[in-house]
Amino acid sequence: MNKKLKNEIAKAFNAPAPSRKTSFIRSMPRPYISTKAFILSQIPFIKKSVWLLSSLVLLPAVWGAYFTNENTVWIVSAFIPFLALLLITESAKSATYGMNELEMAARFSLKSIVLARMSILGIFNGILFGILIPICHVANNISLIQTGIYLLVPYLLTTSTSLYLVRKFANKEVIYWCMAIAVLVSGINMILRYMADFLFQLNYLAWWGLTALLLLGFVTKELYQTFKKTEGIIWSFVLTD
């Protein structure tokens, strides 16, 4: 087929320029869901085992309070790192199982899903802390501030370190590293209690508070870096307000 004939065929079958294209696209129905409804829709996707295992941290607190055990806060603080571990493993499932690219092309952006699930579990953990701190405060007869800080430090340390590992090494093996971190933090917490008891005296409370603030800053930084790395398809963001 010569070039002239090709040109003639191209002219004969040339599609006309679309008219009112922009108004037509804007008139098409667009799926919409409110932010609240979207967040609530993610609750069923969180494993029931996560809810159950997270709630089990209440058992040592209730047990210690019932028997007025002065070691209640230290026992509970040893379980707290695993509460953080459950949050990290549930929120990082897409990254660790290599589902990022598939979920990025879904109706909702991967960033929105991760943020929603972390928010849900974060609120749930906050409720647990709201129950644990008063119980440990009564059982150990120490101030609410001390109790809160002694429980928050191992939680924030596990969370910040695990977020860093998941962000740097997005694979299945990283979950085992996060487990190791939770066990290590739990063990160090107990060792310090029995081998460096002076660190838990009231005059060291300011240092504990400073450590908690630094760890909170580190968690915030890692969350920002994590969401920055988790880039979603741009059009997905218009599906939530």
Protein backbone atom coordinates (compact mmCIF):
# COMPACT_ATOMS: atom_id res chain seq x y z
CA MET A 1 0.00 0.00 0.00
CA ASN A 2 1.52 3.30 -1.15
CA LYS A 3 1.80 6.42 0.99
CA LYS A 4 -0.84 8.38 -0.95
CA LEU A 5 -3.45 5.67 -0.45
CA LYS A 6 -2.65 5.51 3.27
CA ASN A 7 -3.19 9.26 3.59
CA GLU A 8 -6.52 9.07 1.76
CA ILE A 9 -7.74 6.26 4.02
CA ALA A 10 -6.62 8.20 7.10
CA LYS A 11 -8.60 11.24 5.95
CA ALA A 12 -11.70 9.17 5.21
CA PHE A 13 -11.75 7.52 8.64
CA ASN A 14 -10.44 10.43 10.67
CA ALA A 15 -12.57 10.81 13.84
CA PRO A 16 -14.00 14.30 14.40
CA ALA A 17 -12.82 16.32 17.38
CA PRO A 18 -15.03 15.65 20.43
CA SER A 19 -17.44 18.43 21.29
CA ARG A 20 -18.50 19.30 24.83
CA LYS A 21 -16.04 16.74 26.15
CA THR A 22 -15.40 18.57 29.43
CA SER A 23 -19.09 19.12 30.25
CA PHE A 24 -19.87 15.49 29.40
CA ILE A 25 -17.19 14.16 31.77
CA ARG A 26 -18.38 16.48 34.54
CA SER A 27 -21.97 15.31 34.08
CA MET A 28 -21.07 11.67 34.66
CA PRO A 29 -22.07 10.29 38.11
CA ARG A 30 -19.11 9.99 40.44
CA PRO A 31 -19.06 7.53 43.35
CA TYR A 32 -18.95 9.43 46.64
CA ILE A 33 -18.51 8.43 50.24
CA SER A 34 -18.02 10.63 53.28
CA THR A 35 -14.81 10.44 55.29
CA LYS A 36 -16.67 9.09 58.31
CA ALA A 37 -18.38 6.37 56.28
CA PHE A 38 -15.09 5.48 54.60
CA ILE A 39 -13.27 5.08 57.92
CA LEU A 40 -16.10 2.99 59.38
CA SER A 41 -16.10 0.82 56.26
CA GLN A 42 -12.52 -0.22 57.04
CA ILE A 43 -13.36 -1.70 60.46
CA PRO A 44 -14.58 -5.08 59.08
CA PHE A 45 -11.31 -5.46 57.16
CA ILE A 46 -9.27 -5.48 60.37
CA LYS A 47 -8.80 -9.05 61.59
CA LYS A 48 -10.85 -10.11 64.59
CA SER A 49 -7.68 -11.59 66.08
CA VAL A 50 -6.17 -8.08 66.22
CA TRP A 51 -9.11 -6.81 68.30
CA LEU A 52 -8.96 -9.86 70.56
CA LEU A 53 -5.20 -9.86 71.11
CA SER A 54 -5.19 -6.09 71.71
CA SER A 55 -7.89 -6.47 74.33
CA LEU A 56 -5.94 -9.21 76.13
CA VAL A 57 -3.54 -6.57 77.46
CA LEU A 58 -6.33 -5.64 79.88
CA LEU A 59 -6.11 -9.03 81.62
CA PRO A 60 -2.83 -8.47 83.52
CA ALA A 61 -4.03 -5.01 84.56
CA VAL A 62 -7.32 -6.31 85.93
CA TRP A 63 -5.55 -9.23 87.60
CA GLY A 64 -3.00 -6.94 89.23
CA ALA A 65 -5.63 -4.48 90.40
CA TYR A 66 -7.76 -7.27 91.85
CA PHE A 67 -4.87 -8.58 93.92
CA THR A 68 -3.52 -5.06 94.56
CA ASN A 69 -0.20 -6.12 93.07
CA GLU A 70 2.42 -3.36 93.27
CA ASN A 71 4.05 -4.70 90.09
CA THR A 72 0.93 -4.19 87.96
CA VAL A 73 2.28 -1.26 85.96
CA TRP A 74 5.52 -3.12 85.18
CA ILE A 75 3.67 -6.27 84.13
CA VAL A 76 1.35 -4.26 81.88
CA SER A 77 4.24 -2.24 80.42
CA ALA A 78 5.84 -5.54 79.39
CA PHE A 79 2.77 -6.35 77.28
CA ILE A 80 2.39 -2.85 75.81
CA PRO A 81 5.03 -3.32 73.03
CA PHE A 82 2.90 -6.12 71.58
CA LEU A 83 -0.05 -3.74 71.41
CA ALA A 84 2.08 -1.51 69.19
CA LEU A 85 3.21 -4.55 67.19
CA LEU A 86 -0.41 -5.46 66.34
CA LEU A 87 -1.05 -1.94 65.07
CA ILE A 88 2.04 -1.98 62.85
CA THR A 89 1.51 -5.45 61.38
CA GLU A 90 -2.14 -4.76 60.54
CA SER A 91 -1.38 -1.38 58.96
CA ALA A 92 1.61 -2.61 56.96
CA LYS A 93 0.01 -5.70 55.39
CA SER A 94 0.03 -4.24 51.88
CA ALA A 95 3.71 -3.34 52.00
CA THR A 96 4.90 -6.57 53.59
CA TYR A 97 2.91 -8.82 51.22
CA GLY A 98 3.77 -6.87 48.07
CA MET A 99 0.20 -5.68 47.36
CA ASN A 100 1.07 -1.98 47.12
CA GLU A 101 0.72 -1.57 43.36
CA LEU A 102 -2.55 -3.51 43.18
CA GLU A 103 -4.15 -1.56 46.03
CA MET A 104 -2.90 1.74 44.61
CA ALA A 105 -5.18 1.17 41.62
CA ALA A 106 -8.23 0.36 43.72
CA ARG A 107 -11.20 2.65 44.29
CA PHE A 108 -9.62 4.20 47.37
CA SER A 109 -5.99 5.19 47.51
CA LEU A 110 -3.64 2.98 49.50
CA LYS A 111 -2.63 6.02 51.52
CA SER A 112 -6.26 6.60 52.54
CA ILE A 113 -6.71 2.97 53.55
CA VAL A 114 -3.53 2.86 55.64
CA LEU A 115 -4.40 6.15 57.31
CA ALA A 116 -7.94 4.97 58.08
CA ARG A 117 -6.84 1.66 59.60
CA MET A 118 -4.07 3.23 61.64
CA SER A 119 -6.55 5.82 62.89
CA ILE A 120 -9.05 3.13 63.88
CA LEU A 121 -6.46 1.06 65.75
CA GLY A 122 -4.87 4.20 67.21
CA ILE A 123 -8.21 5.29 68.67
CA PHE A 124 -8.84 1.78 69.97
CA ASN A 125 -5.40 1.70 71.61
CA GLY A 126 -6.08 5.14 73.07
CA ILE A 127 -9.25 3.75 74.67
CA LEU A 128 -7.23 0.85 76.08
CA PHE A 129 -4.70 3.30 77.55
CA GLY A 130 -7.59 5.25 79.02
CA ILE A 131 -8.62 2.08 80.88
CA LEU A 132 -5.14 0.79 81.72
CA ILE A 133 -3.67 3.97 83.20
CA PRO A 134 -6.31 4.44 85.96
CA ILE A 135 -6.23 0.73 86.82
CA CYS A 136 -2.42 0.67 87.11
CA HIS A 137 -2.50 3.98 88.98
CA VAL A 138 -4.78 2.51 91.64
CA ALA A 139 -2.93 -0.82 91.85
CA ASN A 140 0.56 0.71 92.12
CA ASN A 141 -0.35 3.84 94.04
CA ILE A 142 1.74 6.12 91.81
CA SER A 143 0.61 9.28 90.05
CA LEU A 144 -1.39 9.16 86.83
CA ILE A 145 1.38 11.05 85.01
CA GLN A 146 4.01 8.51 86.06
CA THR A 147 1.77 5.62 85.15
CA GLY A 148 0.96 7.09 81.74
CA ILE A 149 4.60 7.81 80.90
CA TYR A 150 5.81 4.37 82.02
CA LEU A 151 3.25 2.77 79.71
CA LEU A 152 3.65 5.16 76.78
CA VAL A 153 7.45 5.01 76.47
CA PRO A 154 7.67 1.29 75.54
CA TYR A 155 4.64 1.70 73.26
CA LEU A 156 6.13 4.68 71.41
CA LEU A 157 9.57 3.07 71.23
CA THR A 158 8.17 -0.07 69.61
CA THR A 159 5.93 1.91 67.26
CA SER A 160 8.63 4.30 66.05
CA THR A 161 11.25 1.59 65.51
CA SER A 162 8.80 -0.71 63.75
CA LEU A 163 7.56 2.08 61.46
CA TYR A 164 11.15 2.80 60.48
CA LEU A 165 11.84 -0.87 59.70
CA VAL A 166 8.65 -1.29 57.67
CA ARG A 167 9.41 1.85 55.67
CA LYS A 168 12.98 0.81 54.92
CA PHE A 169 12.41 -2.90 54.32
CA ALA A 170 8.97 -3.55 52.84
CA ASN A 171 8.92 -7.36 52.81
CA LYS A 172 7.52 -10.28 54.78
CA GLU A 173 10.67 -10.72 56.83
CA VAL A 174 10.39 -7.24 58.34
CA ILE A 175 7.46 -8.41 60.46
CA TYR A 176 9.80 -10.81 62.25
CA TRP A 177 12.13 -7.90 62.94
CA CYS A 178 9.21 -5.95 64.38
CA MET A 179 8.37 -8.92 66.59
CA ALA A 180 11.98 -9.03 67.76
CA ILE A 181 11.83 -5.32 68.58
CA ALA A 182 8.65 -5.82 70.63
CA VAL A 183 10.25 -8.69 72.57
CA LEU A 184 13.44 -6.68 73.09
CA VAL A 185 11.61 -3.58 74.35
CA SER A 186 9.49 -5.73 76.65
CA GLY A 187 12.57 -7.48 78.03
CA ILE A 188 14.56 -4.26 78.53
CA ASN A 189 11.60 -2.72 80.32
CA MET A 190 11.49 -5.56 82.84
CA ILE A 191 15.29 -5.69 83.23
CA LEU A 192 15.45 -1.96 83.99
CA ARG A 193 12.76 -2.37 86.60
CA TYR A 194 14.65 -5.05 88.53
CA MET A 195 18.27 -4.11 87.79
CA ALA A 196 18.05 -0.30 87.59
CA ASP A 197 15.15 0.47 89.91
CA PHE A 198 16.51 3.96 90.63
CA LEU A 199 15.47 5.05 87.11
CA PHE A 200 11.83 4.82 88.19
CA GLN A 201 12.21 7.21 91.09
CA LEU A 202 10.29 10.47 91.00
CA ASN A 203 13.38 12.62 90.37
CA TYR A 204 13.88 10.85 87.01
CA LEU A 205 10.33 11.52 85.85
CA ALA A 206 11.38 14.59 83.84
CA TRP A 207 13.79 12.42 81.82
CA TRP A 208 11.04 9.91 81.18
CA GLY A 209 8.77 12.72 80.03
CA LEU A 210 11.47 14.07 77.69
CA THR A 211 12.02 10.58 76.28
CA ALA A 212 8.27 10.22 75.65
CA LEU A 213 8.18 13.57 73.80
CA LEU A 214 11.21 12.66 71.66
CA LEU A 215 9.70 9.30 70.78
CA LEU A 216 6.38 10.97 69.95
CA GLY A 217 8.24 13.29 67.59
CA PHE A 218 9.99 10.33 66.01
CA VAL A 219 6.67 8.50 65.54
CA THR A 220 5.20 11.59 63.89
CA LYS A 221 8.19 11.85 61.56
CA GLU A 222 8.00 8.17 60.61
CA LEU A 223 4.26 8.42 59.96
CA TYR A 224 4.86 11.38 57.68
CA GLN A 225 7.63 9.55 55.82
CA THR A 226 5.47 6.43 55.55
CA PHE A 227 2.50 8.27 54.04
CA LYS A 228 4.81 10.24 51.76
CA LYS A 229 6.24 6.98 50.46
CA THR A 230 2.81 5.40 50.06
CA GLU A 231 1.80 7.30 46.92
CA GLY A 232 -1.65 6.57 45.59
CA ILE A 233 -3.36 7.23 42.26
CA ILE A 234 -4.39 10.89 42.20
CA TRP A 235 -8.00 10.29 41.13
CA SER A 236 -8.59 8.06 44.11
CA PHE A 237 -8.39 10.99 46.48
CA VAL A 238 -11.51 12.66 45.07
CA LEU A 239 -13.65 9.79 46.31
CA THR A 240 -13.48 11.02 49.89
CA ASP A 241 -14.09 14.51 51.19
